[in-house]
Amino acid sequence: MTKPRKPLLRDDRNGKIAGVCAGVADYFGIENWLVRIITLAALFLGMGSFVLVLYFAAWVVLEKKSKYEASHGSIEQDRDEDSVEVKTQVWQKGEPPKQALQHLNHKFTSLELRLRDIERHVTSSTFQLNREFNNL
């Protein structure tokens, strides 16, 4: 089963001017700075009027991400909130491997502490006493 493709939207939260570059970066799963550099390079290297017209058209046509999420629900609801995307290339969106490892280490440490608390509770005499009363 293939995953449905997410729509192309303007990312008004991460955008600098209108969120067009941030929306394109989110759609293709690459870093925002890379799309901005490519847009500026195309603007200054001879495609100025075409880039401006295309940017303005995208500004007018594309819906804002926050407005779309308010009406259709969150786009990322399938993903786990604690999931970590590790980038393998510089241009990819996600966390660098070192930061992802720290994130996962913190997550497993907190899970281990919770498990210790559960074990402490289950092996306590209070738990056994309450269990005996419930069995009566």
C-alpha atoms as a PDB file:
ATOM      1  CA  MET A   1       0.000   0.000   0.000  1.00  0.00           C
ATOM      2  CA  THR A   2       1.438   3.328  -1.011  1.00  0.00           C
ATOM      3  CA  LYS A   3       1.289   6.305   1.264  1.00  0.00           C
ATOM      4  CA  PRO A   4      -0.813   9.193  -0.081  1.00  0.00           C
ATOM      5  CA  ARG A   5       1.295  12.130  -1.160  1.00  0.00           C
ATOM      6  CA  LYS A   6       0.991  15.224   0.973  1.00  0.00           C
ATOM      7  CA  PRO A   7      -0.240  18.414  -0.677  1.00  0.00           C
ATOM      8  CA  LEU A   8       1.992  21.315  -1.683  1.00  0.00           C
ATOM      9  CA  LEU A   9       1.255  24.112   0.797  1.00  0.00           C
ATOM     10  CA  ARG A  10       2.820  27.403   1.881  1.00  0.00           C
ATOM     11  CA  ASP A  11       4.493  26.899   5.258  1.00  0.00           C
ATOM     12  CA  ASP A  12       3.615  30.180   6.986  1.00  0.00           C
ATOM     13  CA  ARG A  13       5.265  29.151  10.274  1.00  0.00           C
ATOM     14  CA  ASN A  14       8.728  28.481   8.828  1.00  0.00           C
ATOM     15  CA  GLY A  15       8.592  30.931   5.922  1.00  0.00           C
ATOM     16  CA  LYS A  16      10.464  34.221   5.680  1.00  0.00           C
ATOM     17  CA  ILE A  17       8.309  36.177   3.215  1.00  0.00           C
ATOM     18  CA  ALA A  18       5.271  34.142   2.187  1.00  0.00           C
ATOM     19  CA  GLY A  19       6.325  30.610   3.061  1.00  0.00           C
ATOM     20  CA  VAL A  20       6.600  29.411  -0.547  1.00  0.00           C
ATOM     21  CA  CYS A  21      10.212  28.197  -0.281  1.00  0.00           C
ATOM     22  CA  ALA A  22       9.526  26.569   3.091  1.00  0.00           C
ATOM     23  CA  GLY A  23       6.470  24.819   1.635  1.00  0.00           C
ATOM     24  CA  VAL A  24       8.441  23.516  -1.355  1.00  0.00           C
ATOM     25  CA  ALA A  25      11.205  22.321   0.975  1.00  0.00           C
ATOM     26  CA  ASP A  26       8.677  20.522   3.174  1.00  0.00           C
ATOM     27  CA  TYR A  27       7.001  18.939   0.150  1.00  0.00           C
ATOM     28  CA  PHE A  28      10.263  17.507  -1.202  1.00  0.00           C
ATOM     29  CA  GLY A  29      11.761  16.734   2.227  1.00  0.00           C
ATOM     30  CA  ILE A  30      14.809  18.972   1.951  1.00  0.00           C
ATOM     31  CA  GLU A  31      16.188  21.800   4.058  1.00  0.00           C
ATOM     32  CA  ASN A  32      14.631  25.277   3.794  1.00  0.00           C
ATOM     33  CA  TRP A  33      17.971  27.015   3.325  1.00  0.00           C
ATOM     34  CA  LEU A  34      18.721  24.975   0.202  1.00  0.00           C
ATOM     35  CA  VAL A  35      15.484  25.958  -1.538  1.00  0.00           C
ATOM     36  CA  ARG A  36      16.062  29.604  -0.603  1.00  0.00           C
ATOM     37  CA  ILE A  37      19.602  29.526  -2.024  1.00  0.00           C
ATOM     38  CA  ILE A  38      18.399  27.905  -5.256  1.00  0.00           C
ATOM     39  CA  THR A  39      15.628  30.504  -5.582  1.00  0.00           C
ATOM     40  CA  LEU A  40      17.992  33.420  -4.994  1.00  0.00           C
ATOM     41  CA  ALA A  41      20.589  31.958  -7.365  1.00  0.00           C
ATOM     42  CA  ALA A  42      17.964  31.579 -10.099  1.00  0.00           C
ATOM     43  CA  LEU A  43      16.756  35.120  -9.395  1.00  0.00           C
ATOM     44  CA  PHE A  44      20.224  36.635  -9.798  1.00  0.00           C
ATOM     45  CA  LEU A  45      21.522  34.383 -12.572  1.00  0.00           C
ATOM     46  CA  GLY A  46      19.235  35.445 -15.385  1.00  0.00           C
ATOM     47  CA  MET A  47      15.860  33.954 -14.522  1.00  0.00           C
ATOM     48  CA  GLY A  48      14.759  36.925 -12.418  1.00  0.00           C
ATOM     49  CA  SER A  49      11.399  37.745 -13.970  1.00  0.00           C
ATOM     50  CA  PHE A  50      10.409  34.070 -14.317  1.00  0.00           C
ATOM     51  CA  VAL A  51      11.290  33.354 -10.671  1.00  0.00           C
ATOM     52  CA  LEU A  52       9.396  36.421  -9.444  1.00  0.00           C
ATOM     53  CA  VAL A  53       6.288  35.525 -11.455  1.00  0.00           C
ATOM     54  CA  LEU A  54       6.456  31.890 -10.335  1.00  0.00           C
ATOM     55  CA  TYR A  55       6.968  32.895  -6.681  1.00  0.00           C
ATOM     56  CA  PHE A  56       4.072  35.382  -6.790  1.00  0.00           C
ATOM     57  CA  ALA A  57       1.814  32.797  -8.493  1.00  0.00           C
ATOM     58  CA  ALA A  58       2.658  30.221  -5.824  1.00  0.00           C
ATOM     59  CA  TRP A  59       2.000  32.841  -3.142  1.00  0.00           C
ATOM     60  CA  VAL A  60      -1.481  33.459  -4.552  1.00  0.00           C
ATOM     61  CA  VAL A  61      -2.408  29.883  -5.482  1.00  0.00           C
ATOM     62  CA  LEU A  62      -1.033  27.759  -2.632  1.00  0.00           C
ATOM     63  CA  GLU A  63      -3.006  27.443   0.581  1.00  0.00           C
ATOM     64  CA  LYS A  64      -1.395  28.167   3.950  1.00  0.00           C
ATOM     65  CA  LYS A  65      -0.366  25.076   5.882  1.00  0.00           C
ATOM     66  CA  SER A  66      -1.914  26.283   9.161  1.00  0.00           C
ATOM     67  CA  LYS A  67      -5.254  26.967   7.457  1.00  0.00           C
ATOM     68  CA  TYR A  68      -5.183  23.556   5.726  1.00  0.00           C
ATOM     69  CA  GLU A  69      -4.402  21.746   9.000  1.00  0.00           C
ATOM     70  CA  ALA A  70      -7.239  23.578  10.752  1.00  0.00           C
ATOM     71  CA  SER A  71      -9.773  22.397   8.169  1.00  0.00           C
ATOM     72  CA  HIS A  72      -8.406  18.933   7.308  1.00  0.00           C
ATOM     73  CA  GLY A  73      -6.596  17.909  10.489  1.00  0.00           C
ATOM     74  CA  SER A  74      -2.871  17.554  10.974  1.00  0.00           C
ATOM     75  CA  ILE A  75      -0.836  16.328   8.015  1.00  0.00           C
ATOM     76  CA  GLU A  76       1.636  14.523  10.274  1.00  0.00           C
ATOM     77  CA  GLN A  77      -0.942  12.633  12.345  1.00  0.00           C
ATOM     78  CA  ASP A  78       0.271   9.254  11.000  1.00  0.00           C
ATOM     79  CA  ARG A  79       3.764   9.844  12.373  1.00  0.00           C
ATOM     80  CA  ASP A  80       4.612   9.223  15.994  1.00  0.00           C
ATOM     81  CA  GLU A  81       5.317  12.448  17.878  1.00  0.00           C
ATOM     82  CA  ASP A  82       8.552  11.034  19.266  1.00  0.00           C
ATOM     83  CA  SER A  83       9.790   9.627  15.964  1.00  0.00           C
ATOM     84  CA  VAL A  84      13.227  10.668  14.800  1.00  0.00           C
ATOM     85  CA  GLU A  85      14.156  11.258  11.177  1.00  0.00           C
ATOM     86  CA  VAL A  86      17.873  10.907  10.648  1.00  0.00           C
ATOM     87  CA  LYS A  87      19.318  12.703   7.677  1.00  0.00           C
ATOM     88  CA  THR A  88      21.904  10.852   5.635  1.00  0.00           C
ATOM     89  CA  GLN A  89      22.747  13.774   3.347  1.00  0.00           C
ATOM     90  CA  VAL A  90      23.380  17.428   4.186  1.00  0.00           C
ATOM     91  CA  TRP A  91      20.450  18.629   2.100  1.00  0.00           C
ATOM     92  CA  GLN A  92      17.876  16.236   3.601  1.00  0.00           C
ATOM     93  CA  LYS A  93      15.377  17.323   6.217  1.00  0.00           C
ATOM     94  CA  GLY A  94      15.763  15.733   9.639  1.00  0.00           C
ATOM     95  CA  GLU A  95      18.133  15.542  12.547  1.00  0.00           C
ATOM     96  CA  PRO A  96      21.879  15.005  12.210  1.00  0.00           C
ATOM     97  CA  PRO A  97      22.918  11.529  13.419  1.00  0.00           C
ATOM     98  CA  LYS A  98      24.599  12.823  16.597  1.00  0.00           C
ATOM     99  CA  GLN A  99      21.515  14.832  17.615  1.00  0.00           C
ATOM    100  CA  ALA A 100      19.220  11.892  16.756  1.00  0.00           C
ATOM    101  CA  LEU A 101      21.337   9.602  18.935  1.00  0.00           C
ATOM    102  CA  GLN A 102      21.084  12.058  21.844  1.00  0.00           C
ATOM    103  CA  HIS A 103      17.319  12.269  21.316  1.00  0.00           C
ATOM    104  CA  LEU A 104      16.966   8.478  21.349  1.00  0.00           C
ATOM    105  CA  ASN A 105      19.269   8.171  24.374  1.00  0.00           C
ATOM    106  CA  HIS A 106      17.096  10.638  26.296  1.00  0.00           C
ATOM    107  CA  LYS A 107      13.949   8.773  25.246  1.00  0.00           C
ATOM    108  CA  PHE A 108      15.307   5.375  26.349  1.00  0.00           C
ATOM    109  CA  THR A 109      16.574   6.823  29.625  1.00  0.00           C
ATOM    110  CA  SER A 110      13.128   8.174  30.456  1.00  0.00           C
ATOM    111  CA  LEU A 111      11.551   4.814  29.519  1.00  0.00           C
ATOM    112  CA  GLU A 112      14.018   2.978  31.731  1.00  0.00           C
ATOM    113  CA  LEU A 113      13.196   5.266  34.682  1.00  0.00           C
ATOM    114  CA  ARG A 114       9.481   4.618  34.179  1.00  0.00           C
ATOM    115  CA  LEU A 115      10.121   0.876  34.031  1.00  0.00           C
ATOM    116  CA  ARG A 116      12.125   1.040  37.272  1.00  0.00           C
ATOM    117  CA  ASP A 117       9.225   2.839  38.968  1.00  0.00           C
ATOM    118  CA  ILE A 118       6.793   0.171  37.766  1.00  0.00           C
ATOM    119  CA  GLU A 119       9.057  -2.640  38.962  1.00  0.00           C
ATOM    120  CA  ARG A 120       9.488  -0.939  42.330  1.00  0.00           C
ATOM    121  CA  HIS A 121       5.714  -0.633  42.696  1.00  0.00           C
ATOM    122  CA  VAL A 122       4.954  -4.206  41.618  1.00  0.00           C
ATOM    123  CA  THR A 123       7.560  -5.730  43.943  1.00  0.00           C
ATOM    124  CA  SER A 124       6.499  -3.637  46.934  1.00  0.00           C
ATOM    125  CA  SER A 125       4.618  -5.124  49.855  1.00  0.00           C
ATOM    126  CA  THR A 126       1.848  -2.526  49.446  1.00  0.00           C
ATOM    127  CA  PHE A 127       1.063  -3.837  45.973  1.00  0.00           C
ATOM    128  CA  GLN A 128       0.956  -7.422  47.233  1.00  0.00           C
ATOM    129  CA  LEU A 129      -1.291  -6.432  50.151  1.00  0.00           C
ATOM    130  CA  ASN A 130      -3.711  -4.561  47.843  1.00  0.00           C
ATOM    131  CA  ARG A 131      -3.724  -7.559  45.511  1.00  0.00           C
ATOM    132  CA  GLU A 132      -4.661  -9.880  48.381  1.00  0.00           C
ATOM    133  CA  PHE A 133      -7.506  -7.579  49.454  1.00  0.00           C
ATOM    134  CA  ASN A 134      -8.824  -7.450  45.899  1.00  0.00           C
ATOM    135  CA  ASN A 135      -8.819 -11.234  45.684  1.00  0.00           C
ATOM    136  CA  LEU A 136     -11.092 -11.503  48.764  1.00  0.00           C
END
